[in-house]
N, C-alpha and C. Protein backbone atom coordinates (compact mmCIF):
# COMPACT_ATOMS: atom_id res chain seq x y z
N MET A 1 -39.57 -3.62 -20.29
CA MET A 1 -39.30 -4.94 -19.89
C MET A 1 -37.94 -5.03 -19.19
N ALA A 2 -37.91 -5.61 -18.01
CA ALA A 2 -36.69 -5.70 -17.23
C ALA A 2 -35.71 -6.68 -17.90
N PRO A 3 -34.43 -6.36 -17.86
CA PRO A 3 -33.40 -7.26 -18.44
C PRO A 3 -33.37 -8.61 -17.68
N GLN A 4 -32.99 -9.66 -18.37
CA GLN A 4 -32.80 -10.97 -17.70
C GLN A 4 -31.37 -10.97 -17.21
N LEU A 5 -31.17 -10.97 -15.92
CA LEU A 5 -29.84 -10.87 -15.35
C LEU A 5 -29.26 -12.27 -15.08
N HIS A 6 -27.93 -12.38 -15.21
CA HIS A 6 -27.21 -13.59 -14.95
C HIS A 6 -26.13 -13.31 -13.84
N TYR A 7 -25.57 -14.39 -13.37
CA TYR A 7 -24.54 -14.31 -12.30
C TYR A 7 -23.26 -14.91 -12.76
N ALA A 8 -22.17 -14.34 -12.30
CA ALA A 8 -20.81 -14.89 -12.43
C ALA A 8 -20.17 -14.77 -11.08
N THR A 9 -19.35 -15.78 -10.67
CA THR A 9 -18.73 -15.74 -9.38
C THR A 9 -17.23 -16.05 -9.58
N PHE A 10 -16.39 -15.11 -9.23
CA PHE A 10 -14.98 -15.22 -9.45
C PHE A 10 -14.17 -14.95 -8.17
N GLY A 11 -13.12 -15.72 -7.97
CA GLY A 11 -12.12 -15.42 -6.90
C GLY A 11 -10.84 -15.05 -7.60
N ALA A 12 -10.35 -13.87 -7.33
CA ALA A 12 -9.15 -13.34 -7.97
C ALA A 12 -8.29 -12.58 -6.98
N GLY A 13 -8.13 -13.21 -5.80
CA GLY A 13 -7.36 -12.53 -4.72
C GLY A 13 -8.34 -11.82 -3.82
N CYS A 14 -7.93 -10.69 -3.29
CA CYS A 14 -8.79 -9.92 -2.39
C CYS A 14 -10.11 -9.49 -3.03
N PHE A 15 -11.18 -9.77 -2.37
CA PHE A 15 -12.51 -9.40 -2.99
C PHE A 15 -12.71 -7.94 -3.13
N TRP A 16 -12.02 -7.11 -2.34
CA TRP A 16 -12.13 -5.68 -2.54
C TRP A 16 -11.65 -5.29 -3.92
N CYS A 17 -10.53 -5.86 -4.37
CA CYS A 17 -9.97 -5.60 -5.71
C CYS A 17 -10.88 -6.09 -6.79
N THR A 18 -11.33 -7.34 -6.62
CA THR A 18 -12.21 -7.95 -7.67
C THR A 18 -13.48 -7.19 -7.81
N GLU A 19 -14.10 -6.79 -6.70
CA GLU A 19 -15.32 -6.00 -6.73
C GLU A 19 -15.10 -4.67 -7.46
N ALA A 20 -14.01 -3.97 -7.12
CA ALA A 20 -13.74 -2.65 -7.70
C ALA A 20 -13.57 -2.76 -9.25
N VAL A 21 -12.93 -3.83 -9.69
CA VAL A 21 -12.72 -3.97 -11.12
C VAL A 21 -14.05 -4.20 -11.85
N PHE A 22 -14.84 -5.14 -11.37
CA PHE A 22 -16.04 -5.51 -12.11
C PHE A 22 -17.19 -4.57 -12.00
N GLU A 23 -17.28 -3.83 -10.91
CA GLU A 23 -18.41 -2.89 -10.79
C GLU A 23 -18.24 -1.68 -11.71
N ARG A 24 -17.14 -1.52 -12.35
CA ARG A 24 -16.91 -0.40 -13.27
C ARG A 24 -17.34 -0.77 -14.70
N LEU A 25 -17.73 -1.99 -14.96
CA LEU A 25 -18.05 -2.41 -16.34
C LEU A 25 -19.47 -2.16 -16.68
N ASP A 26 -19.68 -1.65 -17.90
CA ASP A 26 -20.98 -1.41 -18.42
C ASP A 26 -21.68 -2.79 -18.58
N GLY A 27 -22.93 -2.83 -18.07
CA GLY A 27 -23.68 -4.12 -18.15
C GLY A 27 -23.63 -4.90 -16.86
N VAL A 28 -22.74 -4.50 -15.93
CA VAL A 28 -22.72 -5.10 -14.58
C VAL A 28 -23.72 -4.30 -13.70
N HIS A 29 -24.68 -5.01 -13.16
CA HIS A 29 -25.67 -4.36 -12.30
C HIS A 29 -25.24 -4.23 -10.87
N SER A 30 -24.53 -5.25 -10.36
CA SER A 30 -24.01 -5.18 -9.00
C SER A 30 -22.92 -6.24 -8.80
N VAL A 31 -22.09 -5.97 -7.77
CA VAL A 31 -21.07 -6.90 -7.44
C VAL A 31 -21.08 -7.02 -5.90
N VAL A 32 -21.15 -8.27 -5.42
CA VAL A 32 -21.26 -8.52 -3.97
C VAL A 32 -20.02 -9.31 -3.54
N ALA A 33 -19.32 -8.82 -2.55
CA ALA A 33 -18.20 -9.54 -1.98
C ALA A 33 -18.69 -10.65 -1.09
N GLY A 34 -18.02 -11.79 -1.16
CA GLY A 34 -18.46 -12.90 -0.36
C GLY A 34 -17.46 -14.06 -0.35
N TYR A 35 -17.95 -15.21 0.09
CA TYR A 35 -17.11 -16.38 0.25
C TYR A 35 -17.80 -17.59 -0.42
N SER A 36 -16.95 -18.45 -1.04
CA SER A 36 -17.44 -19.70 -1.66
C SER A 36 -16.36 -20.74 -1.67
N GLY A 37 -16.77 -21.98 -1.83
CA GLY A 37 -15.83 -23.05 -2.05
C GLY A 37 -15.34 -23.80 -0.79
N GLY A 38 -15.90 -23.43 0.36
CA GLY A 38 -15.45 -24.09 1.58
C GLY A 38 -16.52 -25.00 2.21
N THR A 39 -16.24 -25.40 3.42
CA THR A 39 -17.10 -26.32 4.09
C THR A 39 -17.93 -25.72 5.26
N LYS A 40 -17.51 -24.55 5.71
CA LYS A 40 -18.19 -23.93 6.84
C LYS A 40 -19.36 -23.08 6.40
N ALA A 41 -20.52 -23.35 6.98
CA ALA A 41 -21.75 -22.58 6.65
C ALA A 41 -21.60 -21.17 7.30
N ASN A 42 -22.04 -20.20 6.59
CA ASN A 42 -22.05 -18.77 7.10
C ASN A 42 -20.75 -18.35 7.74
N PRO A 43 -19.66 -18.47 7.01
CA PRO A 43 -18.34 -18.11 7.58
C PRO A 43 -18.21 -16.61 7.79
N THR A 44 -17.42 -16.27 8.75
CA THR A 44 -17.04 -14.84 9.02
C THR A 44 -15.74 -14.57 8.30
N TYR A 45 -15.45 -13.29 8.14
CA TYR A 45 -14.19 -12.87 7.55
C TYR A 45 -12.99 -13.44 8.32
N LYS A 46 -13.07 -13.36 9.62
CA LYS A 46 -11.97 -13.84 10.50
C LYS A 46 -11.78 -15.35 10.26
N GLU A 47 -12.87 -16.10 10.17
CA GLU A 47 -12.77 -17.56 9.95
C GLU A 47 -12.14 -17.83 8.59
N VAL A 48 -12.59 -17.12 7.55
CA VAL A 48 -12.04 -17.34 6.23
C VAL A 48 -10.55 -17.00 6.21
N CYS A 49 -10.16 -15.90 6.83
CA CYS A 49 -8.76 -15.51 6.90
C CYS A 49 -7.89 -16.49 7.60
N SER A 50 -8.46 -17.30 8.51
CA SER A 50 -7.71 -18.34 9.22
C SER A 50 -7.23 -19.45 8.33
N GLY A 51 -7.90 -19.56 7.15
CA GLY A 51 -7.54 -20.62 6.22
C GLY A 51 -8.13 -21.99 6.57
N THR A 52 -8.99 -22.02 7.56
CA THR A 52 -9.53 -23.36 7.98
C THR A 52 -10.90 -23.66 7.39
N THR A 53 -11.55 -22.73 6.73
CA THR A 53 -12.89 -22.94 6.18
C THR A 53 -12.91 -23.52 4.77
N GLY A 54 -11.81 -23.36 4.06
CA GLY A 54 -11.79 -23.80 2.67
C GLY A 54 -12.36 -22.78 1.71
N HIS A 55 -12.96 -21.68 2.21
CA HIS A 55 -13.57 -20.70 1.33
C HIS A 55 -12.52 -19.79 0.68
N ALA A 56 -12.88 -19.26 -0.46
CA ALA A 56 -12.12 -18.26 -1.16
C ALA A 56 -12.89 -16.96 -1.05
N GLU A 57 -12.17 -15.87 -1.03
CA GLU A 57 -12.84 -14.53 -1.16
C GLU A 57 -13.25 -14.45 -2.61
N VAL A 58 -14.52 -14.14 -2.87
CA VAL A 58 -15.03 -14.04 -4.22
C VAL A 58 -15.90 -12.80 -4.39
N ALA A 59 -16.14 -12.49 -5.67
CA ALA A 59 -17.08 -11.45 -6.02
C ALA A 59 -18.17 -12.11 -6.85
N GLN A 60 -19.42 -11.90 -6.45
CA GLN A 60 -20.56 -12.40 -7.25
C GLN A 60 -21.08 -11.24 -8.06
N ILE A 61 -21.05 -11.41 -9.37
CA ILE A 61 -21.35 -10.33 -10.30
C ILE A 61 -22.74 -10.62 -10.90
N THR A 62 -23.63 -9.65 -10.83
CA THR A 62 -24.93 -9.70 -11.48
C THR A 62 -24.79 -8.84 -12.74
N PHE A 63 -25.04 -9.51 -13.88
CA PHE A 63 -24.83 -8.75 -15.15
C PHE A 63 -25.93 -9.03 -16.15
N ASP A 64 -26.05 -8.09 -17.08
CA ASP A 64 -27.01 -8.16 -18.16
C ASP A 64 -26.31 -8.69 -19.42
N PRO A 65 -26.55 -9.96 -19.82
CA PRO A 65 -25.82 -10.52 -20.94
C PRO A 65 -26.14 -9.85 -22.27
N ALA A 66 -27.17 -9.01 -22.30
CA ALA A 66 -27.43 -8.27 -23.53
C ALA A 66 -26.43 -7.11 -23.68
N LYS A 67 -25.74 -6.73 -22.54
CA LYS A 67 -24.83 -5.62 -22.57
C LYS A 67 -23.37 -6.08 -22.43
N ILE A 68 -23.14 -7.17 -21.70
CA ILE A 68 -21.81 -7.69 -21.49
C ILE A 68 -21.91 -9.22 -21.36
N SER A 69 -21.12 -9.90 -22.13
CA SER A 69 -21.21 -11.38 -22.11
C SER A 69 -20.39 -11.98 -20.98
N TYR A 70 -20.72 -13.19 -20.65
CA TYR A 70 -19.92 -13.95 -19.70
C TYR A 70 -18.48 -14.09 -20.16
N GLU A 71 -18.29 -14.29 -21.45
CA GLU A 71 -16.97 -14.40 -22.03
C GLU A 71 -16.18 -13.10 -21.82
N GLU A 72 -16.81 -11.95 -21.97
CA GLU A 72 -16.17 -10.68 -21.74
C GLU A 72 -15.78 -10.56 -20.27
N LEU A 73 -16.63 -10.99 -19.37
CA LEU A 73 -16.27 -11.00 -17.94
C LEU A 73 -15.08 -11.88 -17.69
N LEU A 74 -15.01 -13.02 -18.32
CA LEU A 74 -13.90 -13.93 -18.18
C LEU A 74 -12.60 -13.25 -18.65
N ASN A 75 -12.67 -12.54 -19.78
CA ASN A 75 -11.50 -11.87 -20.27
C ASN A 75 -10.97 -10.83 -19.25
N VAL A 76 -11.86 -10.09 -18.63
CA VAL A 76 -11.45 -9.12 -17.62
C VAL A 76 -10.88 -9.88 -16.44
N PHE A 77 -11.50 -11.00 -16.00
CA PHE A 77 -11.00 -11.79 -14.93
C PHE A 77 -9.55 -12.19 -15.09
N TRP A 78 -9.19 -12.71 -16.29
CA TRP A 78 -7.81 -13.16 -16.53
C TRP A 78 -6.82 -12.05 -16.43
N HIS A 79 -7.20 -10.87 -16.76
CA HIS A 79 -6.27 -9.73 -16.76
C HIS A 79 -6.32 -8.83 -15.53
N ALA A 80 -7.27 -9.14 -14.61
CA ALA A 80 -7.39 -8.34 -13.42
C ALA A 80 -6.57 -8.90 -12.28
N HIS A 81 -5.94 -10.06 -12.47
CA HIS A 81 -5.08 -10.63 -11.44
C HIS A 81 -4.08 -11.55 -12.11
N ASP A 82 -3.22 -12.15 -11.32
CA ASP A 82 -2.21 -13.09 -11.87
C ASP A 82 -2.73 -14.51 -11.63
N PRO A 83 -3.28 -15.13 -12.70
CA PRO A 83 -3.86 -16.48 -12.48
C PRO A 83 -2.77 -17.57 -12.47
N THR A 84 -1.52 -17.21 -12.45
CA THR A 84 -0.42 -18.20 -12.44
C THR A 84 0.18 -18.39 -11.06
N THR A 85 -0.28 -17.62 -10.07
CA THR A 85 0.25 -17.77 -8.69
C THR A 85 -0.75 -18.54 -7.87
N LEU A 86 -0.26 -19.56 -7.18
CA LEU A 86 -1.10 -20.45 -6.40
C LEU A 86 -1.30 -19.85 -5.03
N ASN A 87 -2.63 -19.64 -4.70
CA ASN A 87 -3.01 -19.15 -3.39
C ASN A 87 -2.34 -17.85 -2.99
N ARG A 88 -2.21 -16.96 -3.98
CA ARG A 88 -1.58 -15.70 -3.65
C ARG A 88 -1.86 -14.68 -4.73
N GLN A 89 -2.06 -13.43 -4.28
CA GLN A 89 -2.11 -12.28 -5.18
C GLN A 89 -1.34 -11.16 -4.49
N GLY A 90 -0.20 -10.78 -5.04
CA GLY A 90 0.63 -9.78 -4.42
C GLY A 90 1.03 -10.21 -2.99
N ALA A 91 0.79 -9.35 -2.04
CA ALA A 91 1.16 -9.66 -0.62
C ALA A 91 0.07 -10.49 0.09
N ASP A 92 -1.05 -10.64 -0.57
CA ASP A 92 -2.17 -11.43 0.05
C ASP A 92 -1.89 -12.92 -0.24
N GLU A 93 -1.73 -13.66 0.85
CA GLU A 93 -1.32 -15.11 0.68
C GLU A 93 -2.22 -15.97 1.51
N GLY A 94 -2.60 -17.11 0.92
CA GLY A 94 -3.45 -18.09 1.60
C GLY A 94 -4.49 -18.65 0.61
N THR A 95 -5.07 -19.76 0.96
CA THR A 95 -6.05 -20.40 0.06
C THR A 95 -7.26 -19.49 -0.17
N GLN A 96 -7.55 -18.58 0.71
CA GLN A 96 -8.70 -17.66 0.55
C GLN A 96 -8.46 -16.71 -0.61
N TYR A 97 -7.24 -16.58 -1.07
CA TYR A 97 -6.91 -15.66 -2.19
C TYR A 97 -6.67 -16.43 -3.48
N ARG A 98 -7.09 -17.67 -3.55
CA ARG A 98 -6.82 -18.45 -4.77
C ARG A 98 -7.61 -17.94 -5.94
N SER A 99 -7.10 -18.26 -7.12
CA SER A 99 -7.75 -17.92 -8.37
C SER A 99 -8.73 -19.03 -8.70
N ILE A 100 -9.98 -18.65 -8.81
CA ILE A 100 -11.04 -19.68 -9.02
C ILE A 100 -12.24 -19.08 -9.75
N ILE A 101 -12.81 -19.88 -10.60
CA ILE A 101 -14.05 -19.53 -11.28
C ILE A 101 -15.10 -20.55 -10.78
N PHE A 102 -16.14 -20.03 -10.22
CA PHE A 102 -17.27 -20.82 -9.82
C PHE A 102 -18.36 -20.70 -10.89
N TYR A 103 -18.61 -21.75 -11.62
CA TYR A 103 -19.62 -21.68 -12.63
C TYR A 103 -21.02 -21.98 -12.09
N HIS A 104 -22.00 -21.40 -12.76
CA HIS A 104 -23.37 -21.52 -12.33
C HIS A 104 -24.15 -22.54 -13.14
N ASP A 105 -23.64 -22.88 -14.33
CA ASP A 105 -24.28 -23.91 -15.14
C ASP A 105 -23.27 -24.45 -16.14
N GLU A 106 -23.65 -25.48 -16.89
CA GLU A 106 -22.70 -26.12 -17.80
C GLU A 106 -22.22 -25.18 -18.90
N LYS A 107 -23.07 -24.27 -19.33
CA LYS A 107 -22.65 -23.29 -20.36
C LYS A 107 -21.52 -22.44 -19.83
N GLN A 108 -21.62 -21.99 -18.57
CA GLN A 108 -20.52 -21.24 -18.00
C GLN A 108 -19.25 -22.09 -17.80
N LYS A 109 -19.46 -23.33 -17.41
CA LYS A 109 -18.30 -24.22 -17.21
C LYS A 109 -17.53 -24.37 -18.57
N ASN A 110 -18.26 -24.64 -19.63
CA ASN A 110 -17.62 -24.78 -20.94
C ASN A 110 -16.96 -23.47 -21.35
N ALA A 111 -17.57 -22.37 -21.16
CA ALA A 111 -16.99 -21.07 -21.52
C ALA A 111 -15.75 -20.78 -20.70
N ALA A 112 -15.77 -21.12 -19.42
CA ALA A 112 -14.60 -20.88 -18.54
C ALA A 112 -13.43 -21.74 -18.97
N GLU A 113 -13.68 -23.01 -19.32
CA GLU A 113 -12.63 -23.93 -19.74
C GLU A 113 -12.01 -23.48 -21.05
N LYS A 114 -12.85 -23.04 -21.97
CA LYS A 114 -12.35 -22.56 -23.25
C LYS A 114 -11.54 -21.26 -23.09
N SER A 115 -12.09 -20.37 -22.23
CA SER A 115 -11.41 -19.09 -21.96
C SER A 115 -10.06 -19.31 -21.30
N LYS A 116 -10.00 -20.23 -20.39
CA LYS A 116 -8.72 -20.55 -19.66
C LYS A 116 -7.69 -20.99 -20.68
N ALA A 117 -8.06 -21.91 -21.57
CA ALA A 117 -7.12 -22.38 -22.59
C ALA A 117 -6.65 -21.25 -23.50
N GLU A 118 -7.56 -20.34 -23.89
CA GLU A 118 -7.17 -19.19 -24.72
C GLU A 118 -6.31 -18.23 -23.94
N ALA A 119 -6.61 -17.97 -22.65
CA ALA A 119 -5.86 -17.02 -21.86
C ALA A 119 -4.45 -17.52 -21.61
N GLN A 120 -4.25 -18.81 -21.57
CA GLN A 120 -2.90 -19.33 -21.29
C GLN A 120 -1.86 -18.77 -22.28
N LYS A 121 -2.25 -18.43 -23.44
CA LYS A 121 -1.34 -17.86 -24.44
C LYS A 121 -0.74 -16.53 -24.01
N ASP A 122 -1.44 -15.85 -23.08
CA ASP A 122 -1.00 -14.55 -22.60
C ASP A 122 -0.06 -14.64 -21.42
N PHE A 123 0.21 -15.86 -20.91
CA PHE A 123 1.03 -16.01 -19.69
C PHE A 123 2.17 -17.01 -19.96
N SER A 124 3.35 -16.67 -19.43
CA SER A 124 4.49 -17.56 -19.66
C SER A 124 4.46 -18.74 -18.65
N GLN A 125 3.82 -18.60 -17.53
CA GLN A 125 3.66 -19.64 -16.53
C GLN A 125 2.31 -20.30 -16.68
N PRO A 126 2.17 -21.54 -16.24
CA PRO A 126 0.84 -22.19 -16.32
C PRO A 126 -0.21 -21.50 -15.42
N ILE A 127 -1.42 -21.39 -15.97
CA ILE A 127 -2.54 -20.85 -15.18
C ILE A 127 -2.95 -21.89 -14.18
N VAL A 128 -3.08 -21.53 -12.92
CA VAL A 128 -3.45 -22.44 -11.86
C VAL A 128 -4.90 -22.26 -11.40
N THR A 129 -5.64 -21.44 -12.07
CA THR A 129 -7.01 -21.18 -11.74
C THR A 129 -7.85 -22.44 -11.79
N SER A 130 -8.62 -22.72 -10.72
CA SER A 130 -9.50 -23.88 -10.76
C SER A 130 -10.90 -23.43 -11.23
N ILE A 131 -11.61 -24.37 -11.77
CA ILE A 131 -12.99 -24.13 -12.25
C ILE A 131 -13.87 -25.16 -11.56
N GLU A 132 -14.79 -24.63 -10.74
CA GLU A 132 -15.61 -25.53 -9.92
C GLU A 132 -17.09 -25.05 -9.97
N ARG A 133 -17.97 -25.99 -9.78
CA ARG A 133 -19.40 -25.65 -9.71
C ARG A 133 -19.64 -24.85 -8.42
N LEU A 134 -20.43 -23.79 -8.55
CA LEU A 134 -20.81 -23.00 -7.32
C LEU A 134 -21.81 -23.82 -6.55
N LYS A 135 -21.47 -24.07 -5.30
CA LYS A 135 -22.40 -24.81 -4.45
C LYS A 135 -23.17 -23.84 -3.54
N LYS A 136 -22.48 -22.86 -3.00
CA LYS A 136 -23.11 -21.93 -2.10
C LYS A 136 -22.25 -20.66 -2.06
N PHE A 137 -22.95 -19.52 -2.08
CA PHE A 137 -22.30 -18.23 -1.98
C PHE A 137 -22.77 -17.59 -0.66
N TYR A 138 -21.80 -17.10 0.14
CA TYR A 138 -22.14 -16.44 1.36
C TYR A 138 -21.70 -14.98 1.26
N GLU A 139 -22.63 -14.09 1.45
CA GLU A 139 -22.30 -12.67 1.36
C GLU A 139 -21.41 -12.29 2.53
N ALA A 140 -20.40 -11.50 2.24
CA ALA A 140 -19.45 -11.03 3.27
C ALA A 140 -20.17 -9.93 4.09
N GLU A 141 -19.55 -9.62 5.21
CA GLU A 141 -20.04 -8.61 6.13
C GLU A 141 -20.23 -7.29 5.42
N ASP A 142 -21.15 -6.46 5.89
CA ASP A 142 -21.49 -5.17 5.26
C ASP A 142 -20.27 -4.26 4.99
N TYR A 143 -19.32 -4.26 5.96
CA TYR A 143 -18.18 -3.35 5.78
C TYR A 143 -17.23 -3.72 4.64
N HIS A 144 -17.41 -4.94 4.08
CA HIS A 144 -16.64 -5.35 2.89
C HIS A 144 -17.29 -4.91 1.62
N GLN A 145 -18.55 -4.58 1.64
CA GLN A 145 -19.28 -4.27 0.38
C GLN A 145 -18.89 -2.87 -0.09
N ASP A 146 -18.70 -2.74 -1.38
CA ASP A 146 -18.30 -1.44 -1.99
C ASP A 146 -17.14 -0.81 -1.30
N TYR A 147 -16.18 -1.67 -0.89
CA TYR A 147 -15.06 -1.18 -0.06
C TYR A 147 -14.27 -0.04 -0.72
N TYR A 148 -13.93 -0.26 -1.95
CA TYR A 148 -13.11 0.80 -2.63
C TYR A 148 -13.91 2.06 -2.81
N ARG A 149 -15.16 1.98 -3.20
CA ARG A 149 -15.99 3.12 -3.38
C ARG A 149 -16.17 3.91 -2.07
N ASN A 150 -16.25 3.18 -0.96
CA ASN A 150 -16.49 3.79 0.39
C ASN A 150 -15.20 4.23 1.08
N ASN A 151 -14.03 3.70 0.61
CA ASN A 151 -12.78 3.95 1.27
C ASN A 151 -11.64 4.26 0.31
N PRO A 152 -11.85 5.11 -0.66
CA PRO A 152 -10.85 5.29 -1.74
C PRO A 152 -9.47 5.80 -1.22
N HIS A 153 -9.44 6.41 -0.10
CA HIS A 153 -8.17 6.93 0.46
C HIS A 153 -7.52 6.04 1.47
N ALA A 154 -8.13 4.85 1.74
CA ALA A 154 -7.50 3.90 2.63
C ALA A 154 -6.20 3.45 2.01
N PRO A 155 -5.15 3.18 2.81
CA PRO A 155 -3.86 2.83 2.22
C PRO A 155 -3.94 1.63 1.26
N TYR A 156 -4.66 0.57 1.59
CA TYR A 156 -4.74 -0.60 0.69
C TYR A 156 -5.38 -0.18 -0.67
N CYS A 157 -6.41 0.70 -0.60
CA CYS A 157 -7.06 1.11 -1.79
C CYS A 157 -6.09 1.96 -2.68
N MET A 158 -5.33 2.80 -2.08
CA MET A 158 -4.43 3.66 -2.82
C MET A 158 -3.24 2.89 -3.36
N MET A 159 -2.74 1.93 -2.59
CA MET A 159 -1.52 1.22 -3.01
C MET A 159 -1.77 -0.01 -3.87
N VAL A 160 -2.94 -0.64 -3.70
CA VAL A 160 -3.17 -1.89 -4.39
C VAL A 160 -4.32 -1.76 -5.44
N ILE A 161 -5.47 -1.28 -4.99
CA ILE A 161 -6.62 -1.28 -5.85
C ILE A 161 -6.54 -0.23 -6.97
N ARG A 162 -6.17 0.98 -6.62
CA ARG A 162 -6.10 2.08 -7.62
C ARG A 162 -5.16 1.72 -8.76
N PRO A 163 -3.92 1.27 -8.49
CA PRO A 163 -3.02 0.88 -9.60
C PRO A 163 -3.62 -0.28 -10.44
N LYS A 164 -4.30 -1.18 -9.82
CA LYS A 164 -4.93 -2.27 -10.57
C LYS A 164 -5.98 -1.74 -11.50
N LEU A 165 -6.79 -0.81 -11.02
CA LEU A 165 -7.84 -0.23 -11.88
C LEU A 165 -7.24 0.53 -13.00
N GLU A 166 -6.16 1.24 -12.73
CA GLU A 166 -5.50 1.99 -13.83
C GLU A 166 -4.94 1.04 -14.84
N LYS A 167 -4.37 -0.07 -14.41
CA LYS A 167 -3.81 -1.08 -15.35
C LYS A 167 -4.91 -1.66 -16.23
N ILE A 168 -6.02 -1.99 -15.60
CA ILE A 168 -7.14 -2.59 -16.35
C ILE A 168 -7.71 -1.59 -17.35
N GLU A 169 -7.85 -0.34 -16.95
CA GLU A 169 -8.40 0.66 -17.86
C GLU A 169 -7.51 0.88 -19.05
N VAL A 170 -6.18 0.86 -18.84
CA VAL A 170 -5.24 1.00 -19.94
C VAL A 170 -5.38 -0.18 -20.85
N GLY A 171 -5.52 -1.40 -20.27
CA GLY A 171 -5.62 -2.58 -21.07
C GLY A 171 -6.90 -2.68 -21.89
N GLN A 172 -7.93 -1.94 -21.49
CA GLN A 172 -9.23 -1.98 -22.24
C GLN A 172 -9.32 -0.96 -23.33
N LYS A 173 -8.38 -0.03 -23.40
CA LYS A 173 -8.45 1.05 -24.40
C LYS A 173 -7.82 0.61 -25.69
C-alpha cells in the first residue's frame, strides 16, 4: 500500500538552501523549488528577483506523515534559517527571501502558529515569519531543481549551503 503523502510549503531565504536542508530528511519524498505568495501568474526567476511580483522563493515538500510529522518539519524550518530577519537571509535581501509558512489546511495553520510561539523561546529577537494560506505554487525553472545536489562545488553551494547543512546536522544529533 502506497503511503499517503502530504505537502508543506516554506520560504526560508534562498530556495536552493531550503531544498537542500529538507531533501535530506527521512520521510521526505521530494522537494520542489518554486514561488508562492505573489500576484503574478507563472512568474520567472528574473521577475521574482525584481521584487515586483510579491512572490517568495519557497520549497514545496512532499512528505510521508507516518515517517516525519509536519511539526518535525516546522522544527527544522525554524532552525534552518534566521526567522527574525525581515526580507533577508545572509547576503540575500528582498521580499522574495522572506520567512514564510504557507499552510495547506487549518490543521497546518494551527500547528504553524503553535510552533512559532514555541520557537520564539529559542530567539532573542522577535520572529517575523508570516503564516499564510497557500493560494498557488509555481514550480521554478528546471535549473533551480536539486541545485545543491547538481552543483555541490559551485561557490554559493560551498560558502552558504554546505555550512548550513553542517549546522543543521550538528543540531539534529
